[in-house]
Amino acid sequence: MLILSRKSREAVVVGRPGQLEQMLKVTVLEIVGSRVRLGFEVPEDVPVHRSEVWERICAGGGPDNATAAPAGPVA
């Protein structure tokens, strides 16, 4: 596991070497007490889920609409 420290409004970008296209950008939006709000920028066809939702999908349970996070930008 890679562990990075970031401050509010700082980001981490995931991509492949030699390619200019980023696969994922995660930005720390807000830090309040022990809670951190993260923003995810990914192509629209890339699903993004919390880990417990992902595990349920992999187990064949499917995402629960009340807990799944949309892949696109959130207003």
Protein backbone atom coordinates (compact mmCIF):
# COMPACT_ATOMS: atom_id res chain seq x y z
CA MET A 1 0.00 0.00 0.00
CA LEU A 2 1.27 3.44 -0.94
CA ILE A 3 0.63 6.03 1.78
CA LEU A 4 0.74 9.72 0.90
CA SER A 5 0.09 12.82 2.97
CA ARG A 6 -2.00 15.56 1.36
CA LYS A 7 -3.39 18.84 2.64
CA SER A 8 -6.77 20.31 1.77
CA ARG A 9 -7.03 21.06 -1.99
CA GLU A 10 -3.97 18.91 -2.80
CA ALA A 11 -4.40 15.94 -5.14
CA VAL A 12 -2.94 12.62 -6.24
CA VAL A 13 -3.00 11.53 -9.90
CA VAL A 14 -2.88 7.92 -11.08
CA GLY A 15 -1.75 7.13 -14.63
CA ARG A 16 0.62 5.03 -16.70
CA PRO A 17 4.17 6.17 -17.43
CA GLY A 18 4.58 7.53 -20.95
CA GLN A 19 0.88 8.36 -21.30
CA LEU A 20 -0.38 11.88 -20.78
CA GLU A 21 -3.91 10.77 -19.93
CA GLN A 22 -4.66 10.47 -16.24
CA MET A 23 -6.71 7.47 -15.12
CA LEU A 24 -7.75 8.87 -11.74
CA LYS A 25 -7.35 12.10 -9.82
CA VAL A 26 -8.22 12.22 -6.11
CA THR A 27 -8.40 15.62 -4.42
CA VAL A 28 -8.75 16.31 -0.71
CA LEU A 29 -11.73 18.69 -0.63
CA GLU A 30 -12.16 19.23 3.08
CA ILE A 31 -10.82 18.03 6.41
CA VAL A 32 -13.07 18.47 9.45
CA GLY A 33 -12.00 16.69 12.62
CA SER A 34 -11.55 13.02 11.76
CA ARG A 35 -13.55 13.24 8.51
CA VAL A 36 -11.97 13.78 5.09
CA ARG A 37 -14.00 14.61 1.97
CA LEU A 38 -12.41 13.37 -1.25
CA GLY A 39 -13.20 14.29 -4.86
CA PHE A 40 -12.64 11.71 -7.61
CA GLU A 41 -12.10 12.61 -11.27
CA VAL A 42 -12.32 9.61 -13.60
CA PRO A 43 -13.64 8.98 -17.11
CA GLU A 44 -17.45 8.62 -17.12
CA ASP A 45 -17.23 4.91 -18.01
CA VAL A 46 -15.15 4.09 -14.89
CA PRO A 47 -17.28 3.08 -11.90
CA VAL A 48 -16.32 4.43 -8.47
CA HIS A 49 -17.63 2.76 -5.30
CA ARG A 50 -16.84 2.73 -1.60
CA SER A 51 -14.91 -0.44 -0.70
CA GLU A 52 -17.85 -2.10 1.09
CA VAL A 53 -20.07 -1.57 -1.97
CA TRP A 54 -17.33 -2.92 -4.26
CA GLU A 55 -17.00 -6.05 -2.11
CA ARG A 56 -20.77 -6.59 -2.25
CA ILE A 57 -20.73 -6.23 -6.06
CA CYS A 58 -17.84 -8.71 -6.33
CA ALA A 59 -19.74 -11.16 -4.12
CA GLY A 60 -22.64 -11.03 -6.59
CA GLY A 61 -24.93 -8.87 -4.47
CA GLY A 62 -24.95 -5.89 -6.81
CA PRO A 63 -24.78 -2.25 -5.74
CA ASP A 64 -27.47 -0.82 -3.52
CA ASN A 65 -28.70 2.40 -5.15
CA ALA A 66 -28.78 4.09 -1.75
CA THR A 67 -25.06 3.44 -1.13
CA ALA A 68 -23.41 3.43 -4.56
CA ALA A 69 -21.44 6.51 -5.58
CA PRO A 70 -21.86 7.89 -9.12
CA ALA A 71 -18.83 7.78 -11.40
CA GLY A 72 -19.39 11.24 -12.87
CA PRO A 73 -18.91 14.64 -11.31
CA VAL A 74 -21.11 15.48 -8.35
CA ALA A 75 -22.47 19.00 -7.90
